[in-house]
Amino acid sequence: MMKNFHLNYVKKYNGRLSILFLHANASSLESFKYQFSDESLKDYTLWAVDLPGHGDSAKAENPSEVYSIKSMGDIIAEFINQNISQPVVIVGSSLGGNIAIEASSKIKNLKGLFLCGTAPLSRLEDLGEAFLPHPSNAFSFLDEPNEDQLNALYELAVGNFNQHYQLIKEDIKRSDNNFRSTLLSNITQSLFSGEKEILSELSVPVAILQAENELVVNLEYLKKLKILNLWKNEIQLLNGAHHFMHLTHPNEFNILLNDFIKEVIR
């Protein structure tokens, strides 16, 4: 079913370890522009993909079969195993982090997960605790948000860093309108693995980043997670940052990513 789903991707540099970036719901690989332009990462091979139904990747002909965390985890694992022969670290923003966890057990050469703004889920009941009760969070699952709802989504993602609003708007407009409601329906049907259990057994290091001004993911929920190999034994808080911390605070984000990679390859 998943074989050779067309994924758009970019690749930069050529190092001994690969870093694959996975974006959030209604975003695209363009959201990682400040990582791809950072010279400090030039010793690694950088990859970013547009998730199915996003950016320049294909839109699913059978949305309910493709637009679930489970299926996208399979698609991403297949992409990595076919294209990346080096050791690989996955950076996952928000939904991209859930997909990274889902894919982790199927990737041959995984060296670490770097999760930012991600709430690992294991069962439907987790939704109420994992996410903050912000009124705008529901807009993330609307097929066609109106102008006011779009503005609310920009603020959820990047706060008042309005230089990023245009990029977010374009990414939402480019994404498949069927994606968001189908994803929500698949989540409510529990089409995802026990992500908390996966993290409790995963032998590679897992970094968890949380923005100080996070409006989506509940920090208290993250603190209760049992992670076998949590980097630095604690959640990394990014001062002043928002949900899309790779956009609002790229310097701090990239320093942490570099530190994580250096420990992973020691």
C-alpha atoms as a PDB file:
ATOM      1  CA  MET A   1       0.000   0.000   0.000  1.00  0.00           C
ATOM      2  CA  MET A   2       2.724   2.463   0.965  1.00  0.00           C
ATOM      3  CA  LYS A   3       5.234   1.418  -1.614  1.00  0.00           C
ATOM      4  CA  ASN A   4       6.870   4.352  -3.352  1.00  0.00           C
ATOM      5  CA  PHE A   5       4.511   7.062  -2.168  1.00  0.00           C
ATOM      6  CA  HIS A   6       5.961  10.186  -3.795  1.00  0.00           C
ATOM      7  CA  LEU A   7       7.709  12.262  -1.132  1.00  0.00           C
ATOM      8  CA  ASN A   8       9.353  15.548  -1.998  1.00  0.00           C
ATOM      9  CA  TYR A   9      12.651  15.986  -0.171  1.00  0.00           C
ATOM     10  CA  VAL A  10      15.750  18.153  -0.050  1.00  0.00           C
ATOM     11  CA  LYS A  11      19.270  17.066   0.808  1.00  0.00           C
ATOM     12  CA  LYS A  12      22.250  19.259   1.690  1.00  0.00           C
ATOM     13  CA  TYR A  13      25.911  18.675   2.605  1.00  0.00           C
ATOM     14  CA  ASN A  14      27.555  15.298   2.881  1.00  0.00           C
ATOM     15  CA  GLY A  15      28.740  14.126   6.289  1.00  0.00           C
ATOM     16  CA  ARG A  16      29.141  10.871   8.149  1.00  0.00           C
ATOM     17  CA  LEU A  17      25.787  11.147   9.900  1.00  0.00           C
ATOM     18  CA  SER A  18      22.401  12.113   8.473  1.00  0.00           C
ATOM     19  CA  ILE A  19      19.815  14.340  10.135  1.00  0.00           C
ATOM     20  CA  LEU A  20      16.263  13.997   8.805  1.00  0.00           C
ATOM     21  CA  PHE A  21      13.783  16.781   9.599  1.00  0.00           C
ATOM     22  CA  LEU A  22      10.047  16.035   9.820  1.00  0.00           C
ATOM     23  CA  HIS A  23       7.674  18.997   9.947  1.00  0.00           C
ATOM     24  CA  ALA A  24       4.381  19.581  11.746  1.00  0.00           C
ATOM     25  CA  ASN A  25       0.775  19.239  10.630  1.00  0.00           C
ATOM     26  CA  ALA A  26      -0.054  21.807   7.906  1.00  0.00           C
ATOM     27  CA  SER A  27       3.604  22.844   7.613  1.00  0.00           C
ATOM     28  CA  SER A  28       6.349  21.854   5.134  1.00  0.00           C
ATOM     29  CA  LEU A  29      10.085  21.246   4.879  1.00  0.00           C
ATOM     30  CA  GLU A  30      10.454  25.014   4.258  1.00  0.00           C
ATOM     31  CA  SER A  31       9.944  25.485   7.999  1.00  0.00           C
ATOM     32  CA  PHE A  32      13.482  24.143   8.539  1.00  0.00           C
ATOM     33  CA  LYS A  33      15.164  26.863   6.454  1.00  0.00           C
ATOM     34  CA  TYR A  34      17.163  28.138   9.451  1.00  0.00           C
ATOM     35  CA  GLN A  35      18.605  24.696  10.050  1.00  0.00           C
ATOM     36  CA  PHE A  36      19.575  24.211   6.408  1.00  0.00           C
ATOM     37  CA  SER A  37      21.224  27.634   6.290  1.00  0.00           C
ATOM     38  CA  ASP A  38      23.223  27.082   9.493  1.00  0.00           C
ATOM     39  CA  GLU A  39      26.911  26.464   8.798  1.00  0.00           C
ATOM     40  CA  SER A  40      27.273  24.735  12.165  1.00  0.00           C
ATOM     41  CA  LEU A  41      25.421  21.718  10.724  1.00  0.00           C
ATOM     42  CA  LYS A  42      27.552  21.419   7.593  1.00  0.00           C
ATOM     43  CA  ASP A  43      29.429  18.355   8.894  1.00  0.00           C
ATOM     44  CA  TYR A  44      26.232  16.302   8.587  1.00  0.00           C
ATOM     45  CA  THR A  45      24.048  15.253   5.682  1.00  0.00           C
ATOM     46  CA  LEU A  46      20.803  17.197   6.104  1.00  0.00           C
ATOM     47  CA  TRP A  47      17.533  15.811   4.764  1.00  0.00           C
ATOM     48  CA  ALA A  48      14.000  17.159   5.028  1.00  0.00           C
ATOM     49  CA  VAL A  49      10.844  15.680   3.557  1.00  0.00           C
ATOM     50  CA  ASP A  50       7.390  17.057   2.928  1.00  0.00           C
ATOM     51  CA  LEU A  51       4.963  14.731   4.681  1.00  0.00           C
ATOM     52  CA  PRO A  52       2.248  13.116   2.523  1.00  0.00           C
ATOM     53  CA  GLY A  53      -0.310  15.739   1.500  1.00  0.00           C
ATOM     54  CA  HIS A  54       2.072  18.617   2.314  1.00  0.00           C
ATOM     55  CA  GLY A  55       4.418  20.875   0.356  1.00  0.00           C
ATOM     56  CA  ASP A  56       5.363  19.243  -2.938  1.00  0.00           C
ATOM     57  CA  SER A  57       4.720  15.661  -1.830  1.00  0.00           C
ATOM     58  CA  ALA A  58       1.854  13.712  -3.376  1.00  0.00           C
ATOM     59  CA  LYS A  59      -1.668  14.066  -2.057  1.00  0.00           C
ATOM     60  CA  ALA A  60      -3.136  10.721  -1.068  1.00  0.00           C
ATOM     61  CA  GLU A  61      -5.613   9.136  -3.447  1.00  0.00           C
ATOM     62  CA  ASN A  62      -6.913   7.155  -0.452  1.00  0.00           C
ATOM     63  CA  PRO A  63      -6.641   9.691   2.410  1.00  0.00           C
ATOM     64  CA  SER A  64      -7.968   7.459   5.189  1.00  0.00           C
ATOM     65  CA  GLU A  65      -5.306   4.837   4.436  1.00  0.00           C
ATOM     66  CA  VAL A  66      -2.381   7.268   4.221  1.00  0.00           C
ATOM     67  CA  TYR A  67      -3.154  10.149   6.598  1.00  0.00           C
ATOM     68  CA  SER A  68      -2.640   8.371   9.909  1.00  0.00           C
ATOM     69  CA  ILE A  69       0.377   8.495  12.227  1.00  0.00           C
ATOM     70  CA  LYS A  70       0.798   4.749  11.684  1.00  0.00           C
ATOM     71  CA  SER A  71       0.822   4.858   7.867  1.00  0.00           C
ATOM     72  CA  MET A  72       3.032   7.941   7.699  1.00  0.00           C
ATOM     73  CA  GLY A  73       5.447   6.245  10.101  1.00  0.00           C
ATOM     74  CA  ASP A  74       5.660   3.355   7.638  1.00  0.00           C
ATOM     75  CA  ILE A  75       6.164   5.709   4.692  1.00  0.00           C
ATOM     76  CA  ILE A  76       8.943   7.642   6.464  1.00  0.00           C
ATOM     77  CA  ALA A  77      10.692   4.453   7.660  1.00  0.00           C
ATOM     78  CA  GLU A  78      10.601   3.131   4.107  1.00  0.00           C
ATOM     79  CA  PHE A  79      12.002   6.428   2.775  1.00  0.00           C
ATOM     80  CA  ILE A  80      14.885   6.320   5.264  1.00  0.00           C
ATOM     81  CA  ASN A  81      15.715   2.663   4.669  1.00  0.00           C
ATOM     82  CA  GLN A  82      15.724   3.187   0.895  1.00  0.00           C
ATOM     83  CA  ASN A  83      17.623   6.478   0.793  1.00  0.00           C
ATOM     84  CA  ILE A  84      19.801   6.903   3.880  1.00  0.00           C
ATOM     85  CA  SER A  85      22.537   4.351   4.466  1.00  0.00           C
ATOM     86  CA  GLN A  86      24.292   6.404   7.155  1.00  0.00           C
ATOM     87  CA  PRO A  87      23.455   6.521  10.843  1.00  0.00           C
ATOM     88  CA  VAL A  88      20.480   8.870  11.160  1.00  0.00           C
ATOM     89  CA  VAL A  89      18.967  11.174  13.754  1.00  0.00           C
ATOM     90  CA  ILE A  90      15.367  12.259  13.229  1.00  0.00           C
ATOM     91  CA  VAL A  91      14.259  15.750  14.217  1.00  0.00           C
ATOM     92  CA  GLY A  92      10.482  15.839  14.582  1.00  0.00           C
ATOM     93  CA  SER A  93       8.413  18.985  15.063  1.00  0.00           C
ATOM     94  CA  SER A  94       4.987  18.399  16.622  1.00  0.00           C
ATOM     95  CA  LEU A  95       3.217  15.750  14.467  1.00  0.00           C
ATOM     96  CA  GLY A  96       6.597  15.071  12.812  1.00  0.00           C
ATOM     97  CA  GLY A  97       7.793  13.846  16.206  1.00  0.00           C
ATOM     98  CA  ASN A  98       4.875  11.429  16.550  1.00  0.00           C
ATOM     99  CA  ILE A  99       5.676  10.069  13.092  1.00  0.00           C
ATOM    100  CA  ALA A 100       9.362   9.750  14.063  1.00  0.00           C
ATOM    101  CA  ILE A 101       8.436   7.683  17.142  1.00  0.00           C
ATOM    102  CA  GLU A 102       6.141   5.536  15.011  1.00  0.00           C
ATOM    103  CA  ALA A 103       8.924   4.944  12.453  1.00  0.00           C
ATOM    104  CA  SER A 104      11.707   4.395  15.001  1.00  0.00           C
ATOM    105  CA  SER A 105      11.438   0.624  15.411  1.00  0.00           C
ATOM    106  CA  LYS A 106      11.512   0.090  11.637  1.00  0.00           C
ATOM    107  CA  ILE A 107      14.686   2.095  10.914  1.00  0.00           C
ATOM    108  CA  LYS A 108      17.885   0.062  10.656  1.00  0.00           C
ATOM    109  CA  ASN A 109      20.420   2.767  11.468  1.00  0.00           C
ATOM    110  CA  LEU A 110      18.607   5.060  13.910  1.00  0.00           C
ATOM    111  CA  LYS A 111      20.926   6.892  16.316  1.00  0.00           C
ATOM    112  CA  GLY A 112      18.539   9.260  18.097  1.00  0.00           C
ATOM    113  CA  LEU A 113      15.267  11.179  18.170  1.00  0.00           C
ATOM    114  CA  PHE A 114      15.133  14.949  18.674  1.00  0.00           C
ATOM    115  CA  LEU A 115      11.501  15.806  19.428  1.00  0.00           C
ATOM    116  CA  CYS A 116      10.226  19.373  19.668  1.00  0.00           C
ATOM    117  CA  GLY A 117       6.663  20.345  20.513  1.00  0.00           C
ATOM    118  CA  THR A 118       5.593  16.691  20.345  1.00  0.00           C
ATOM    119  CA  ALA A 119       3.137  14.959  22.674  1.00  0.00           C
ATOM    120  CA  PRO A 120       3.692  11.173  22.463  1.00  0.00           C
ATOM    121  CA  LEU A 121       0.340   9.357  22.512  1.00  0.00           C
ATOM    122  CA  SER A 122      -0.571   5.801  23.409  1.00  0.00           C
ATOM    123  CA  ARG A 123      -4.326   5.830  23.772  1.00  0.00           C
ATOM    124  CA  LEU A 124      -7.242   8.093  23.014  1.00  0.00           C
ATOM    125  CA  GLU A 125      -7.551   9.142  26.661  1.00  0.00           C
ATOM    126  CA  ASP A 126      -4.096  10.761  26.413  1.00  0.00           C
ATOM    127  CA  LEU A 127      -5.435  13.516  24.149  1.00  0.00           C
ATOM    128  CA  GLY A 128      -7.121  15.420  26.965  1.00  0.00           C
ATOM    129  CA  GLU A 129      -3.971  15.536  29.073  1.00  0.00           C
ATOM    130  CA  ALA A 130      -1.325  15.761  26.351  1.00  0.00           C
ATOM    131  CA  PHE A 131      -2.626  18.967  24.816  1.00  0.00           C
ATOM    132  CA  LEU A 132      -3.358  22.289  26.464  1.00  0.00           C
ATOM    133  CA  PRO A 133      -7.006  23.405  26.390  1.00  0.00           C
ATOM    134  CA  HIS A 134      -6.292  26.374  24.136  1.00  0.00           C
ATOM    135  CA  PRO A 135      -9.364  27.300  22.062  1.00  0.00           C
ATOM    136  CA  SER A 136      -7.328  27.585  18.848  1.00  0.00           C
ATOM    137  CA  ASN A 137      -5.984  24.028  19.007  1.00  0.00           C
ATOM    138  CA  ALA A 138      -9.118  22.681  17.310  1.00  0.00           C
ATOM    139  CA  PHE A 139      -8.399  24.868  14.255  1.00  0.00           C
ATOM    140  CA  SER A 140      -5.385  22.659  13.459  1.00  0.00           C
ATOM    141  CA  PHE A 141      -7.814  20.000  12.238  1.00  0.00           C
ATOM    142  CA  LEU A 142     -10.062  22.181  10.052  1.00  0.00           C
ATOM    143  CA  ASP A 143      -9.938  21.468   6.322  1.00  0.00           C
ATOM    144  CA  GLU A 144     -10.380  25.112   5.361  1.00  0.00           C
ATOM    145  CA  PRO A 145      -9.701  27.526   8.215  1.00  0.00           C
ATOM    146  CA  ASN A 146     -11.043  31.049   7.672  1.00  0.00           C
ATOM    147  CA  GLU A 147      -8.971  34.232   8.027  1.00  0.00           C
ATOM    148  CA  ASP A 148      -9.536  34.568  11.793  1.00  0.00           C
ATOM    149  CA  GLN A 149      -8.763  30.905  12.374  1.00  0.00           C
ATOM    150  CA  LEU A 150      -5.611  31.203  10.256  1.00  0.00           C
ATOM    151  CA  ASN A 151      -4.438  34.137  12.369  1.00  0.00           C
ATOM    152  CA  ALA A 152      -5.058  32.084  15.500  1.00  0.00           C
ATOM    153  CA  LEU A 153      -2.995  29.232  14.026  1.00  0.00           C
ATOM    154  CA  TYR A 154      -0.072  31.586  13.283  1.00  0.00           C
ATOM    155  CA  GLU A 155      -0.097  32.671  16.920  1.00  0.00           C
ATOM    156  CA  LEU A 156      -0.221  29.055  18.133  1.00  0.00           C
ATOM    157  CA  ALA A 157       2.825  28.233  16.019  1.00  0.00           C
ATOM    158  CA  VAL A 158       5.038  31.305  16.412  1.00  0.00           C
ATOM    159  CA  GLY A 159       3.334  33.764  18.763  1.00  0.00           C
ATOM    160  CA  ASN A 160       3.920  37.356  17.693  1.00  0.00           C
ATOM    161  CA  PHE A 161       6.928  36.495  15.501  1.00  0.00           C
ATOM    162  CA  ASN A 162       4.867  37.715  12.558  1.00  0.00           C
ATOM    163  CA  GLN A 163       7.751  37.540  10.068  1.00  0.00           C
ATOM    164  CA  HIS A 164       6.860  33.818   9.868  1.00  0.00           C
ATOM    165  CA  TYR A 165       3.114  34.213   9.281  1.00  0.00           C
ATOM    166  CA  GLN A 166       3.406  34.263   5.486  1.00  0.00           C
ATOM    167  CA  LEU A 167       5.370  30.992   5.378  1.00  0.00           C
ATOM    168  CA  ILE A 168       2.841  29.282   7.642  1.00  0.00           C
ATOM    169  CA  LYS A 169      -0.036  30.619   5.554  1.00  0.00           C
ATOM    170  CA  GLU A 170       1.523  29.315   2.327  1.00  0.00           C
ATOM    171  CA  ASP A 171       2.224  25.911   3.890  1.00  0.00           C
ATOM    172  CA  ILE A 172      -1.384  25.571   5.077  1.00  0.00           C
ATOM    173  CA  LYS A 173      -2.694  26.624   1.653  1.00  0.00           C
ATOM    174  CA  ARG A 174      -0.445  24.081  -0.120  1.00  0.00           C
ATOM    175  CA  SER A 175      -1.428  21.187   2.105  1.00  0.00           C
ATOM    176  CA  ASP A 176      -4.182  18.746   1.158  1.00  0.00           C
ATOM    177  CA  ASN A 177      -7.502  20.007   2.536  1.00  0.00           C
ATOM    178  CA  ASN A 178      -8.448  16.422   3.347  1.00  0.00           C
ATOM    179  CA  PHE A 179      -5.388  15.897   5.500  1.00  0.00           C
ATOM    180  CA  ARG A 180      -6.396  17.520   8.769  1.00  0.00           C
ATOM    181  CA  SER A 181      -9.898  16.121   9.254  1.00  0.00           C
ATOM    182  CA  THR A 182      -8.737  12.676   8.070  1.00  0.00           C
ATOM    183  CA  LEU A 183      -5.806  12.723  10.509  1.00  0.00           C
ATOM    184  CA  LEU A 184      -8.156  13.643  13.360  1.00  0.00           C
ATOM    185  CA  SER A 185     -10.580  10.888  12.409  1.00  0.00           C
ATOM    186  CA  ASN A 186      -7.712   8.375  12.248  1.00  0.00           C
ATOM    187  CA  ILE A 187      -6.412   9.535  15.643  1.00  0.00           C
ATOM    188  CA  THR A 188      -9.871   9.071  17.174  1.00  0.00           C
ATOM    189  CA  GLN A 189      -9.869   5.548  15.725  1.00  0.00           C
ATOM    190  CA  SER A 190      -6.513   5.018  17.522  1.00  0.00           C
ATOM    191  CA  LEU A 191      -4.509   4.487  14.328  1.00  0.00           C
ATOM    192  CA  PHE A 192      -1.216   5.014  16.116  1.00  0.00           C
ATOM    193  CA  SER A 193       1.088   2.757  18.135  1.00  0.00           C
ATOM    194  CA  GLY A 194       1.774   3.004  21.838  1.00  0.00           C
ATOM    195  CA  GLU A 195       4.243   5.881  21.458  1.00  0.00           C
ATOM    196  CA  LYS A 196       4.842   6.176  25.208  1.00  0.00           C
ATOM    197  CA  GLU A 197       5.693   2.468  25.377  1.00  0.00           C
ATOM    198  CA  ILE A 198       8.026   2.792  22.380  1.00  0.00           C
ATOM    199  CA  LEU A 199       9.919   5.613  24.130  1.00  0.00           C
ATOM    200  CA  SER A 200      10.106   3.625  27.366  1.00  0.00           C
ATOM    201  CA  GLU A 201      11.973   0.859  25.515  1.00  0.00           C
ATOM    202  CA  LEU A 202      13.870   2.712  22.770  1.00  0.00           C
ATOM    203  CA  SER A 203      17.597   2.203  23.242  1.00  0.00           C
ATOM    204  CA  VAL A 204      18.752   5.322  21.345  1.00  0.00           C
ATOM    205  CA  PRO A 205      18.898   8.755  23.016  1.00  0.00           C
ATOM    206  CA  VAL A 206      15.729  10.838  22.874  1.00  0.00           C
ATOM    207  CA  ALA A 207      15.841  14.623  23.294  1.00  0.00           C
ATOM    208  CA  ILE A 208      12.612  16.393  24.198  1.00  0.00           C
ATOM    209  CA  LEU A 209      12.374  20.136  23.657  1.00  0.00           C
ATOM    210  CA  GLN A 210       9.550  22.269  24.956  1.00  0.00           C
ATOM    211  CA  ALA A 211       9.017  25.962  24.228  1.00  0.00           C
ATOM    212  CA  GLU A 212       8.547  28.315  27.166  1.00  0.00           C
ATOM    213  CA  ASN A 213       5.543  29.885  25.399  1.00  0.00           C
ATOM    214  CA  GLU A 214       4.061  26.568  24.257  1.00  0.00           C
ATOM    215  CA  LEU A 215       0.275  26.704  23.722  1.00  0.00           C
ATOM    216  CA  VAL A 216      -0.194  23.217  22.262  1.00  0.00           C
ATOM    217  CA  VAL A 217       1.671  20.586  24.306  1.00  0.00           C
ATOM    218  CA  ASN A 218       1.262  20.215  28.071  1.00  0.00           C
ATOM    219  CA  LEU A 219       4.651  20.218  29.831  1.00  0.00           C
ATOM    220  CA  GLU A 220       3.224  18.404  32.877  1.00  0.00           C
ATOM    221  CA  TYR A 221       2.202  15.531  30.606  1.00  0.00           C
ATOM    222  CA  LEU A 222       5.718  15.343  29.140  1.00  0.00           C
ATOM    223  CA  LYS A 223       7.270  15.292  32.618  1.00  0.00           C
ATOM    224  CA  LYS A 224       5.358  12.100  33.440  1.00  0.00           C
ATOM    225  CA  LEU A 225       6.704  10.185  30.436  1.00  0.00           C
ATOM    226  CA  LYS A 226       9.017   7.286  31.180  1.00  0.00           C
ATOM    227  CA  ILE A 227      11.777   7.477  28.604  1.00  0.00           C
ATOM    228  CA  LEU A 228      14.510   4.861  28.715  1.00  0.00           C
ATOM    229  CA  ASN A 229      17.218   7.126  27.343  1.00  0.00           C
ATOM    230  CA  LEU A 230      16.127  10.746  27.884  1.00  0.00           C
ATOM    231  CA  TRP A 231      18.875  13.146  26.842  1.00  0.00           C
ATOM    232  CA  LYS A 232      20.385  14.960  29.861  1.00  0.00           C
ATOM    233  CA  ASN A 233      17.698  13.204  31.956  1.00  0.00           C
ATOM    234  CA  GLU A 234      15.343  16.134  31.576  1.00  0.00           C
ATOM    235  CA  ILE A 235      13.158  18.041  29.169  1.00  0.00           C
ATOM    236  CA  GLN A 236      14.972  20.937  27.502  1.00  0.00           C
ATOM    237  CA  LEU A 237      13.091  24.222  27.896  1.00  0.00           C
ATOM    238  CA  LEU A 238      13.660  26.917  25.279  1.00  0.00           C
ATOM    239  CA  ASN A 239      13.268  30.370  26.830  1.00  0.00           C
ATOM    240  CA  GLY A 240      11.050  32.754  24.890  1.00  0.00           C
ATOM    241  CA  ALA A 241      10.326  30.169  22.196  1.00  0.00           C
ATOM    242  CA  HIS A 242       7.004  29.125  20.672  1.00  0.00           C
ATOM    243  CA  HIS A 243       5.602  25.831  19.315  1.00  0.00           C
ATOM    244  CA  PHE A 244       7.646  26.159  16.085  1.00  0.00           C
ATOM    245  CA  MET A 245      10.845  26.795  18.061  1.00  0.00           C
ATOM    246  CA  HIS A 246      13.007  25.887  15.042  1.00  0.00           C
ATOM    247  CA  LEU A 247      11.564  29.034  13.417  1.00  0.00           C
ATOM    248  CA  THR A 248      11.285  31.446  16.352  1.00  0.00           C
ATOM    249  CA  HIS A 249      14.562  30.518  18.096  1.00  0.00           C
ATOM    250  CA  PRO A 250      16.771  28.811  15.509  1.00  0.00           C
ATOM    251  CA  ASN A 251      20.103  29.698  17.140  1.00  0.00           C
ATOM    252  CA  GLU A 252      19.225  28.155  20.497  1.00  0.00           C
ATOM    253  CA  PHE A 253      17.526  25.244  18.738  1.00  0.00           C
ATOM    254  CA  ASN A 254      20.542  24.538  16.521  1.00  0.00           C
ATOM    255  CA  ILE A 255      22.982  24.707  19.443  1.00  0.00           C
ATOM    256  CA  LEU A 256      20.953  22.054  21.287  1.00  0.00           C
ATOM    257  CA  LEU A 257      20.731  19.942  18.138  1.00  0.00           C
ATOM    258  CA  ASN A 258      24.508  20.157  17.657  1.00  0.00           C
ATOM    259  CA  ASP A 259      25.119  19.192  21.291  1.00  0.00           C
ATOM    260  CA  PHE A 260      22.758  16.237  20.940  1.00  0.00           C
ATOM    261  CA  ILE A 261      24.405  15.002  17.728  1.00  0.00           C
ATOM    262  CA  LYS A 262      27.895  15.261  19.246  1.00  0.00           C
ATOM    263  CA  GLU A 263      26.810  13.041  22.144  1.00  0.00           C
ATOM    264  CA  VAL A 264      25.113  10.566  19.822  1.00  0.00           C
ATOM    265  CA  ILE A 265      28.258  10.044  17.716  1.00  0.00           C
ATOM    266  CA  ARG A 266      30.755  10.013  20.602  1.00  0.00           C
END
